[in-house]
């Protein structure tokens, strides 16, 4: 996705695929091939936080933070557009 000349990688997962560490790695792999830190990275899952095992959720969050991936869970789905625009304008993770 391109927003005001900024590349944004948005990976959307439904069901159990949204709680796999491999999903974070997939976003990082795609970003590495097209600009790595110059690209905004997002992982959107339909799962609500309480549907994910707490230990697994903490692991995914840690990996996402380390790789500068903004995670949106089921709770944030109604505000996806708002999150994407906000992160394009004022990113949580600066793009070099």
PDB file of N, CA and C in Angstrom:
ATOM      1  N   UNK A   1       0.845  -1.155   0.000  1.00  0.00           N
ATOM      2  CA  UNK A   1       0.000   0.000   0.000  1.00  0.00           C
ATOM      3  C   UNK A   1       0.904   1.236   0.000  1.00  0.00           C
ATOM      4  N   UNK A   2       0.516   2.246  -0.743  1.00  0.00           N
ATOM      5  CA  UNK A   2       1.251   3.510  -0.762  1.00  0.00           C
ATOM      6  C   UNK A   2       0.326   4.596  -0.217  1.00  0.00           C
ATOM      7  N   UNK A   3       0.840   5.386   0.717  1.00  0.00           N
ATOM      8  CA  UNK A   3       0.082   6.505   1.270  1.00  0.00           C
ATOM      9  C   UNK A   3       0.991   7.718   1.256  1.00  0.00           C
ATOM     10  N   UNK A   4       0.633   8.725   0.452  1.00  0.00           N
ATOM     11  CA  UNK A   4       1.423   9.955   0.334  1.00  0.00           C
ATOM     12  C   UNK A   4       2.904   9.643   0.146  1.00  0.00           C
ATOM     13  N   UNK A   5       3.189   8.825  -0.843  1.00  0.00           N
ATOM     14  CA  UNK A   5       4.551   8.440  -1.243  1.00  0.00           C
ATOM     15  C   UNK A   5       5.287   7.616  -0.187  1.00  0.00           C
ATOM     16  N   UNK A   6       4.559   7.006   0.734  1.00  0.00           N
ATOM     17  CA  UNK A   6       5.166   6.136   1.744  1.00  0.00           C
ATOM     18  C   UNK A   6       4.699   4.704   1.512  1.00  0.00           C
ATOM     19  N   UNK A   7       5.647   3.783   1.478  1.00  0.00           N
ATOM     20  CA  UNK A   7       5.302   2.371   1.336  1.00  0.00           C
ATOM     21  C   UNK A   7       4.891   1.816   2.694  1.00  0.00           C
ATOM     22  N   UNK A   8       3.747   1.157   2.713  1.00  0.00           N
ATOM     23  CA  UNK A   8       3.248   0.524   3.930  1.00  0.00           C
ATOM     24  C   UNK A   8       2.939  -0.934   3.617  1.00  0.00           C
ATOM     25  N   UNK A   9       3.502  -1.843   4.394  1.00  0.00           N
ATOM     26  CA  UNK A   9       3.194  -3.259   4.249  1.00  0.00           C
ATOM     27  C   UNK A   9       2.139  -3.590   5.292  1.00  0.00           C
ATOM     28  N   UNK A  10       1.010  -4.094   4.824  1.00  0.00           N
ATOM     29  CA  UNK A  10      -0.081  -4.427   5.731  1.00  0.00           C
ATOM     30  C   UNK A  10      -0.416  -5.902   5.537  1.00  0.00           C
ATOM     31  N   UNK A  11      -0.133  -6.699   6.546  1.00  0.00           N
ATOM     32  CA  UNK A  11      -0.423  -8.137   6.524  1.00  0.00           C
ATOM     33  C   UNK A  11      -1.667  -8.364   7.369  1.00  0.00           C
ATOM     34  N   UNK A  12      -2.702  -8.944   6.759  1.00  0.00           N
ATOM     35  CA  UNK A  12      -3.955  -9.208   7.468  1.00  0.00           C
ATOM     36  C   UNK A  12      -4.127 -10.710   7.655  1.00  0.00           C
ATOM     37  N   UNK A  13      -4.446 -11.108   8.875  1.00  0.00           N
ATOM     38  CA  UNK A  13      -4.633 -12.527   9.188  1.00  0.00           C
ATOM     39  C   UNK A  13      -5.934 -12.716   9.943  1.00  0.00           C
ATOM     40  N   UNK A  14      -6.615 -13.821   9.629  1.00  0.00           N
ATOM     41  CA  UNK A  14      -7.836 -14.170  10.350  1.00  0.00           C
ATOM     42  C   UNK A  14      -7.617 -15.484  11.081  1.00  0.00           C
ATOM     43  N   UNK A  15      -8.410 -15.712  12.095  1.00  0.00           N
ATOM     44  CA  UNK A  15      -8.342 -16.970  12.831  1.00  0.00           C
ATOM     45  C   UNK A  15      -6.986 -17.214  13.464  1.00  0.00           C
ATOM     46  N   UNK A  16      -6.604 -18.469  13.543  1.00  0.00           N
ATOM     47  CA  UNK A  16      -5.383 -18.849  14.263  1.00  0.00           C
ATOM     48  C   UNK A  16      -4.106 -18.353  13.598  1.00  0.00           C
ATOM     49  N   UNK A  17      -4.151 -17.996  12.324  1.00  0.00           N
ATOM     50  CA  UNK A  17      -2.945 -17.488  11.657  1.00  0.00           C
ATOM     51  C   UNK A  17      -2.470 -16.180  12.278  1.00  0.00           C
ATOM     52  N   UNK A  18      -3.371 -15.468  12.924  1.00  0.00           N
ATOM     53  CA  UNK A  18      -3.017 -14.199  13.547  1.00  0.00           C
ATOM     54  C   UNK A  18      -2.239 -14.332  14.837  1.00  0.00           C
ATOM     55  N   UNK A  19      -2.090 -15.563  15.318  1.00  0.00           N
ATOM     56  CA  UNK A  19      -1.350 -15.740  16.566  1.00  0.00           C
ATOM     57  C   UNK A  19      -0.074 -16.552  16.381  1.00  0.00           C
ATOM     58  N   UNK A  20       0.453 -16.558  15.175  1.00  0.00           N
ATOM     59  CA  UNK A  20       1.687 -17.295  14.900  1.00  0.00           C
ATOM     60  C   UNK A  20       2.865 -16.337  14.779  1.00  0.00           C
ATOM     61  N   UNK A  21       3.974 -16.719  15.387  1.00  0.00           N
ATOM     62  CA  UNK A  21       5.198 -15.909  15.297  1.00  0.00           C
ATOM     63  C   UNK A  21       5.682 -15.818  13.860  1.00  0.00           C
ATOM     64  N   UNK A  22       5.407 -16.856  13.067  1.00  0.00           N
ATOM     65  CA  UNK A  22       5.829 -16.878  11.669  1.00  0.00           C
ATOM     66  C   UNK A  22       5.246 -15.684  10.906  1.00  0.00           C
ATOM     67  N   UNK A  23       4.071 -15.246  11.287  1.00  0.00           N
ATOM     68  CA  UNK A  23       3.436 -14.112  10.618  1.00  0.00           C
ATOM     69  C   UNK A  23       4.278 -12.850  10.764  1.00  0.00           C
ATOM     70  N   UNK A  24       4.835 -12.626  11.946  1.00  0.00           N
ATOM     71  CA  UNK A  24       5.717 -11.473  12.174  1.00  0.00           C
ATOM     72  C   UNK A  24       6.949 -11.598  11.287  1.00  0.00           C
ATOM     73  N   UNK A  25       7.506 -12.788  11.223  1.00  0.00           N
ATOM     74  CA  UNK A  25       8.692 -13.034  10.396  1.00  0.00           C
ATOM     75  C   UNK A  25       8.381 -12.782   8.915  1.00  0.00           C
ATOM     76  N   UNK A  26       7.187 -13.179   8.475  1.00  0.00           N
ATOM     77  CA  UNK A  26       6.791 -12.960   7.075  1.00  0.00           C
ATOM     78  C   UNK A  26       6.753 -11.469   6.731  1.00  0.00           C
ATOM     79  N   UNK A  27       6.213 -10.656   7.628  1.00  0.00           N
ATOM     80  CA  UNK A  27       6.156  -9.203   7.402  1.00  0.00           C
ATOM     81  C   UNK A  27       7.572  -8.644   7.295  1.00  0.00           C
ATOM     82  N   UNK A  28       8.447  -9.084   8.180  1.00  0.00           N
ATOM     83  CA  UNK A  28       9.837  -8.624   8.179  1.00  0.00           C
ATOM     84  C   UNK A  28      10.544  -9.027   6.888  1.00  0.00           C
ATOM     85  N   UNK A  29      10.295 -10.245   6.422  1.00  0.00           N
ATOM     86  CA  UNK A  29      10.918 -10.732   5.187  1.00  0.00           C
ATOM     87  C   UNK A  29      10.497  -9.892   3.988  1.00  0.00           C
ATOM     88  N   UNK A  30       9.216  -9.607   3.876  1.00  0.00           N
ATOM     89  CA  UNK A  30       8.724  -8.784   2.763  1.00  0.00           C
ATOM     90  C   UNK A  30       9.322  -7.382   2.848  1.00  0.00           C
ATOM     91  N   UNK A  31       9.330  -6.804   4.036  1.00  0.00           N
ATOM     92  CA  UNK A  31       9.873  -5.450   4.219  1.00  0.00           C
ATOM     93  C   UNK A  31      11.347  -5.389   3.852  1.00  0.00           C
ATOM     94  N   UNK A  32      12.099  -6.429   4.187  1.00  0.00           N
ATOM     95  CA  UNK A  32      13.535  -6.452   3.883  1.00  0.00           C
ATOM     96  C   UNK A  32      13.791  -6.373   2.388  1.00  0.00           C
ATOM     97  N   UNK A  33      12.905  -6.971   1.613  1.00  0.00           N
ATOM     98  CA  UNK A  33      13.126  -6.989   0.169  1.00  0.00           C
ATOM     99  C   UNK A  33      12.735  -5.683  -0.523  1.00  0.00           C
ATOM    100  N   UNK A  34      11.947  -4.829   0.153  1.00  0.00           N
ATOM    101  CA  UNK A  34      11.535  -3.584  -0.517  1.00  0.00           C
ATOM    102  C   UNK A  34      11.887  -2.308   0.230  1.00  0.00           C
ATOM    103  N   UNK A  35      12.721  -2.407   1.243  1.00  0.00           N
ATOM    104  CA  UNK A  35      13.133  -1.162   1.885  1.00  0.00           C
ATOM    105  C   UNK A  35      13.362  -1.233   3.374  1.00  0.00           C
ATOM    106  N   UNK A  36      13.090  -2.341   3.992  1.00  0.00           N
ATOM    107  CA  UNK A  36      13.277  -2.618   5.417  1.00  0.00           C
ATOM    108  C   UNK A  36      12.834  -1.470   6.319  1.00  0.00           C
ATOM    109  N   UNK A  37      13.734  -0.646   6.807  1.00  0.00           N
ATOM    110  CA  UNK A  37      13.378   0.418   7.765  1.00  0.00           C
ATOM    111  C   UNK A  37      12.750   1.644   7.094  1.00  0.00           C
ATOM    112  N   UNK A  38      12.719   1.677   5.777  1.00  0.00           N
ATOM    113  CA  UNK A  38      12.087   2.792   5.067  1.00  0.00           C
ATOM    114  C   UNK A  38      10.592   2.532   4.859  1.00  0.00           C
ATOM    115  N   UNK A  39      10.122   1.363   5.281  1.00  0.00           N
ATOM    116  CA  UNK A  39       8.761   0.908   5.026  1.00  0.00           C
ATOM    117  C   UNK A  39       7.986   0.818   6.343  1.00  0.00           C
ATOM    118  N   UNK A  40       6.751   1.287   6.343  1.00  0.00           N
ATOM    119  CA  UNK A  40       5.888   1.100   7.511  1.00  0.00           C
ATOM    120  C   UNK A  40       5.340  -0.315   7.487  1.00  0.00           C
ATOM    121  N   UNK A  41       5.382  -1.002   8.621  1.00  0.00           N
ATOM    122  CA  UNK A  41       4.961  -2.401   8.682  1.00  0.00           C
ATOM    123  C   UNK A  41       3.803  -2.559   9.665  1.00  0.00           C
ATOM    124  N   UNK A  42       2.771  -3.283   9.220  1.00  0.00           N
ATOM    125  CA  UNK A  42       1.581  -3.493  10.035  1.00  0.00           C
ATOM    126  C   UNK A  42       1.166  -4.954   9.999  1.00  0.00           C
ATOM    127  N   UNK A  43       0.736  -5.452  11.135  1.00  0.00           N
ATOM    128  CA  UNK A  43       0.139  -6.779  11.232  1.00  0.00           C
ATOM    129  C   UNK A  43      -1.249  -6.583  11.818  1.00  0.00           C
ATOM    130  N   UNK A  44      -2.255  -6.979  11.057  1.00  0.00           N
ATOM    131  CA  UNK A  44      -3.642  -6.841  11.499  1.00  0.00           C
ATOM    132  C   UNK A  44      -4.221  -8.239  11.666  1.00  0.00           C
ATOM    133  N   UNK A  45      -4.758  -8.515  12.844  1.00  0.00           N
ATOM    134  CA  UNK A  45      -5.372  -9.811  13.103  1.00  0.00           C
ATOM    135  C   UNK A  45      -6.805  -9.623  13.587  1.00  0.00           C
ATOM    136  N   UNK A  46      -7.664 -10.551  13.193  1.00  0.00           N
ATOM    137  CA  UNK A  46      -9.064 -10.487  13.628  1.00  0.00           C
ATOM    138  C   UNK A  46      -9.233 -10.984  15.059  1.00  0.00           C
ATOM    139  N   UNK A  47      -8.197 -11.602  15.607  1.00  0.00           N
ATOM    140  CA  UNK A  47      -8.281 -12.132  16.968  1.00  0.00           C
ATOM    141  C   UNK A  47      -8.231 -11.014  18.004  1.00  0.00           C
ATOM    142  N   UNK A  48      -9.041 -11.169  19.020  1.00  0.00           N
ATOM    143  CA  UNK A  48      -8.990 -10.255  20.155  1.00  0.00           C
ATOM    144  C   UNK A  48      -7.880 -10.723  21.088  1.00  0.00           C
ATOM    145  N   UNK A  49      -7.316  -9.818  21.838  1.00  0.00           N
ATOM    146  CA  UNK A  49      -6.201 -10.135  22.725  1.00  0.00           C
ATOM    147  C   UNK A  49      -6.527 -11.306  23.643  1.00  0.00           C
ATOM    148  N   UNK A  50      -7.753 -11.370  24.155  1.00  0.00           N
ATOM    149  CA  UNK A  50      -8.108 -12.452  25.080  1.00  0.00           C
ATOM    150  C   UNK A  50      -8.272 -13.806  24.391  1.00  0.00           C
ATOM    151  N   UNK A  51      -8.198 -13.851  23.066  1.00  0.00           N
ATOM    152  CA  UNK A  51      -8.278 -15.108  22.327  1.00  0.00           C
ATOM    153  C   UNK A  51      -6.892 -15.705  22.071  1.00  0.00           C
ATOM    154  N   UNK A  52      -5.869 -15.003  22.473  1.00  0.00           N
ATOM    155  CA  UNK A  52      -4.496 -15.447  22.248  1.00  0.00           C
ATOM    156  C   UNK A  52      -3.882 -15.793  23.601  1.00  0.00           C
ATOM    157  N   UNK A  53      -3.212 -16.931  23.662  1.00  0.00           N
ATOM    158  CA  UNK A  53      -2.523 -17.333  24.882  1.00  0.00           C
ATOM    159  C   UNK A  53      -1.602 -16.192  25.326  1.00  0.00           C
ATOM    160  N   UNK A  54      -1.656 -15.787  26.598  1.00  0.00           N
ATOM    161  CA  UNK A  54      -0.866 -14.637  27.064  1.00  0.00           C
ATOM    162  C   UNK A  54       0.632 -14.741  26.765  1.00  0.00           C
ATOM    163  N   UNK A  55       1.201 -15.930  26.919  1.00  0.00           N
ATOM    164  CA  UNK A  55       2.631 -16.101  26.647  1.00  0.00           C
ATOM    165  C   UNK A  55       2.917 -15.909  25.153  1.00  0.00           C
ATOM    166  N   UNK A  56       2.073 -16.493  24.321  1.00  0.00           N
ATOM    167  CA  UNK A  56       2.248 -16.355  22.869  1.00  0.00           C
ATOM    168  C   UNK A  56       2.043 -14.904  22.441  1.00  0.00           C
ATOM    169  N   UNK A  57       1.051 -14.248  23.034  1.00  0.00           N
ATOM    170  CA  UNK A  57       0.784 -12.845  22.711  1.00  0.00           C
ATOM    171  C   UNK A  57       1.990 -11.978  23.063  1.00  0.00           C
ATOM    172  N   UNK A  58       2.573 -12.218  24.239  1.00  0.00           N
ATOM    173  CA  UNK A  58       3.759 -11.459  24.660  1.00  0.00           C
ATOM    174  C   UNK A  58       4.925 -11.706  23.710  1.00  0.00           C
ATOM    175  N   UNK A  59       5.084 -12.948  23.252  1.00  0.00           N
ATOM    176  CA  UNK A  59       6.158 -13.289  22.315  1.00  0.00           C
ATOM    177  C   UNK A  59       5.966 -12.565  20.981  1.00  0.00           C
ATOM    178  N   UNK A  60       4.748 -12.581  20.476  1.00  0.00           N
ATOM    179  CA  UNK A  60       4.454 -11.904  19.206  1.00  0.00           C
ATOM    180  C   UNK A  60       4.672 -10.401  19.349  1.00  0.00           C
ATOM    181  N   UNK A  61       4.189  -9.822  20.440  1.00  0.00           N
ATOM    182  CA  UNK A  61       4.369  -8.383  20.669  1.00  0.00           C
ATOM    183  C   UNK A  61       5.856  -8.021  20.743  1.00  0.00           C
ATOM    184  N   UNK A  62       6.628  -8.854  21.436  1.00  0.00           N
ATOM    185  CA  UNK A  62       8.069  -8.602  21.562  1.00  0.00           C
ATOM    186  C   UNK A  62       8.744  -8.633  20.188  1.00  0.00           C
ATOM    187  N   UNK A  63       8.432  -9.658  19.393  1.00  0.00           N
ATOM    188  CA  UNK A  63       9.027  -9.767  18.054  1.00  0.00           C
ATOM    189  C   UNK A  63       8.588  -8.607  17.164  1.00  0.00           C
ATOM    190  N   UNK A  64       7.326  -8.229  17.264  1.00  0.00           N
ATOM    191  CA  UNK A  64       6.819  -7.117  16.455  1.00  0.00           C
ATOM    192  C   UNK A  64       7.514  -5.812  16.842  1.00  0.00           C
ATOM    193  N   UNK A  65       7.660  -5.572  18.136  1.00  0.00           N
ATOM    194  CA  UNK A  65       8.354  -4.353  18.599  1.00  0.00           C
ATOM    195  C   UNK A  65       9.793  -4.339  18.092  1.00  0.00           C
ATOM    196  N   UNK A  66      10.467  -5.474  18.209  1.00  0.00           N
ATOM    197  CA  UNK A  66      11.867  -5.578  17.787  1.00  0.00           C
ATOM    198  C   UNK A  66      12.015  -5.272  16.295  1.00  0.00           C
ATOM    199  N   UNK A  67      11.031  -5.709  15.511  1.00  0.00           N
ATOM    200  CA  UNK A  67      11.085  -5.513  14.058  1.00  0.00           C
ATOM    201  C   UNK A  67      10.305  -4.288  13.590  1.00  0.00           C
ATOM    202  N   UNK A  68       9.876  -3.451  14.542  1.00  0.00           N
ATOM    203  CA  UNK A  68       9.150  -2.207  14.236  1.00  0.00           C
ATOM    204  C   UNK A  68       7.867  -2.454  13.441  1.00  0.00           C
ATOM    205  N   UNK A  69       7.091  -3.417  13.901  1.00  0.00           N
ATOM    206  CA  UNK A  69       5.810  -3.743  13.273  1.00  0.00           C
ATOM    207  C   UNK A  69       4.686  -3.275  14.196  1.00  0.00           C
ATOM    208  N   UNK A  70       3.780  -2.480  13.661  1.00  0.00           N
ATOM    209  CA  UNK A  70       2.626  -1.988  14.414  1.00  0.00           C
ATOM    210  C   UNK A  70       1.535  -3.052  14.338  1.00  0.00           C
ATOM    211  N   UNK A  71       1.096  -3.559  15.486  1.00  0.00           N
ATOM    212  CA  UNK A  71       0.104  -4.635  15.534  1.00  0.00           C
ATOM    213  C   UNK A  71      -1.270  -4.064  15.880  1.00  0.00           C
ATOM    214  N   UNK A  72      -2.263  -4.498  15.104  1.00  0.00           N
ATOM    215  CA  UNK A  72      -3.655  -4.130  15.371  1.00  0.00           C
ATOM    216  C   UNK A  72      -4.423  -5.432  15.586  1.00  0.00           C
ATOM    217  N   UNK A  73      -4.999  -5.597  16.777  1.00  0.00           N
ATOM    218  CA  UNK A  73      -5.772  -6.798  17.084  1.00  0.00           C
ATOM    219  C   UNK A  73      -7.257  -6.530  16.864  1.00  0.00           C
ATOM    220  N   UNK A  74      -8.070  -7.528  17.126  1.00  0.00           N
ATOM    221  CA  UNK A  74      -9.512  -7.421  16.918  1.00  0.00           C
ATOM    222  C   UNK A  74     -10.135  -6.198  17.553  1.00  0.00           C
ATOM    223  N   UNK A  75      -9.619  -5.808  18.723  1.00  0.00           N
ATOM    224  CA  UNK A  75     -10.163  -4.626  19.400  1.00  0.00           C
ATOM    225  C   UNK A  75     -10.009  -3.363  18.550  1.00  0.00           C
ATOM    226  N   UNK A  76      -8.960  -3.306  17.754  1.00  0.00           N
ATOM    227  CA  UNK A  76      -8.675  -2.112  16.966  1.00  0.00           C
ATOM    228  C   UNK A  76      -9.248  -2.118  15.560  1.00  0.00           C
ATOM    229  N   UNK A  77      -9.902  -3.215  15.165  1.00  0.00           N
ATOM    230  CA  UNK A  77     -10.411  -3.301  13.790  1.00  0.00           C
ATOM    231  C   UNK A  77     -11.329  -2.151  13.383  1.00  0.00           C
ATOM    232  N   UNK A  78     -12.227  -1.690  14.249  1.00  0.00           N
ATOM    233  CA  UNK A  78     -13.080  -0.572  13.837  1.00  0.00           C
ATOM    234  C   UNK A  78     -12.297   0.710  13.529  1.00  0.00           C
ATOM    235  N   UNK A  79     -11.050   0.782  14.000  1.00  0.00           N
ATOM    236  CA  UNK A  79     -10.247   1.999  13.813  1.00  0.00           C
ATOM    237  C   UNK A  79      -9.051   1.782  12.874  1.00  0.00           C
ATOM    238  N   UNK A  80      -9.090   0.738  12.053  1.00  0.00           N
ATOM    239  CA  UNK A  80      -7.947   0.426  11.187  1.00  0.00           C
ATOM    240  C   UNK A  80      -7.534   1.627  10.348  1.00  0.00           C
ATOM    241  N   UNK A  81      -8.474   2.254   9.669  1.00  0.00           N
ATOM    242  CA  UNK A  81      -8.137   3.399   8.815  1.00  0.00           C
ATOM    243  C   UNK A  81      -7.452   4.489   9.633  1.00  0.00           C
ATOM    244  N   UNK A  82      -8.001   4.779  10.795  1.00  0.00           N
ATOM    245  CA  UNK A  82      -7.438   5.808  11.670  1.00  0.00           C
ATOM    246  C   UNK A  82      -5.995   5.459  12.065  1.00  0.00           C
ATOM    247  N   UNK A  83      -5.757   4.193  12.427  1.00  0.00           N
ATOM    248  CA  UNK A  83      -4.402   3.763  12.799  1.00  0.00           C
ATOM    249  C   UNK A  83      -3.428   3.917  11.630  1.00  0.00           C
ATOM    250  N   UNK A  84      -3.842   3.489  10.439  1.00  0.00           N
ATOM    251  CA  UNK A  84      -2.953   3.555   9.276  1.00  0.00           C
ATOM    252  C   UNK A  84      -2.590   4.996   8.934  1.00  0.00           C
ATOM    253  N   UNK A  85      -3.572   5.879   8.918  1.00  0.00           N
ATOM    254  CA  UNK A  85      -3.304   7.288   8.620  1.00  0.00           C
ATOM    255  C   UNK A  85      -2.414   7.897   9.702  1.00  0.00           C
ATOM    256  N   UNK A  86      -2.743   7.629  10.957  1.00  0.00           N
ATOM    257  CA  UNK A  86      -1.954   8.162  12.076  1.00  0.00           C
ATOM    258  C   UNK A  86      -0.498   7.697  11.994  1.00  0.00           C
ATOM    259  N   UNK A  87      -0.288   6.428  11.676  1.00  0.00           N
ATOM    260  CA  UNK A  87       1.071   5.895  11.602  1.00  0.00           C
ATOM    261  C   UNK A  87       1.816   6.378  10.358  1.00  0.00           C
ATOM    262  N   UNK A  88       1.099   6.720   9.310  1.00  0.00           N
ATOM    263  CA  UNK A  88       1.749   7.291   8.127  1.00  0.00           C
ATOM    264  C   UNK A  88       2.220   8.713   8.419  1.00  0.00           C
ATOM    265  N   UNK A  89       1.433   9.454   9.192  1.00  0.00           N
ATOM    266  CA  UNK A  89       1.761  10.847   9.505  1.00  0.00           C
ATOM    267  C   UNK A  89       2.759  10.954  10.655  1.00  0.00           C
ATOM    268  N   UNK A  90       2.527  10.200  11.706  1.00  0.00           N
ATOM    269  CA  UNK A  90       3.365  10.268  12.906  1.00  0.00           C
ATOM    270  C   UNK A  90       3.671   8.843  13.380  1.00  0.00           C
ATOM    271  N   UNK A  91       4.609   8.164  12.719  1.00  0.00           N
ATOM    272  CA  UNK A  91       4.840   6.750  13.000  1.00  0.00           C
ATOM    273  C   UNK A  91       5.402   6.466  14.395  1.00  0.00           C
ATOM    274  N   UNK A  92       4.916   5.381  14.979  1.00  0.00           N
ATOM    275  CA  UNK A  92       5.439   4.910  16.267  1.00  0.00           C
ATOM    276  C   UNK A  92       6.903   4.516  16.107  1.00  0.00           C
ATOM    277  N   UNK A  93       7.203   3.895  14.964  1.00  0.00           N
ATOM    278  CA  UNK A  93       8.567   3.476  14.661  1.00  0.00           C
ATOM    279  C   UNK A  93       9.085   4.331  13.506  1.00  0.00           C
ATOM    280  N   UNK A  94      10.037   5.213  13.766  1.00  0.00           N
ATOM    281  CA  UNK A  94      10.547   6.101  12.714  1.00  0.00           C
ATOM    282  C   UNK A  94      11.105   5.319  11.527  1.00  0.00           C
ATOM    283  N   UNK A  95      10.847   5.841  10.360  1.00  0.00           N
ATOM    284  CA  UNK A  95      11.410   5.242   9.144  1.00  0.00           C
ATOM    285  C   UNK A  95      12.609   6.087   8.743  1.00  0.00           C
ATOM    286  N   UNK A  96      13.712   5.426   8.562  1.00  0.00           N
ATOM    287  CA  UNK A  96      14.980   6.112   8.273  1.00  0.00           C
ATOM    288  C   UNK A  96      14.930   6.729   6.897  1.00  0.00           C
TER     289      UNK A  96
END
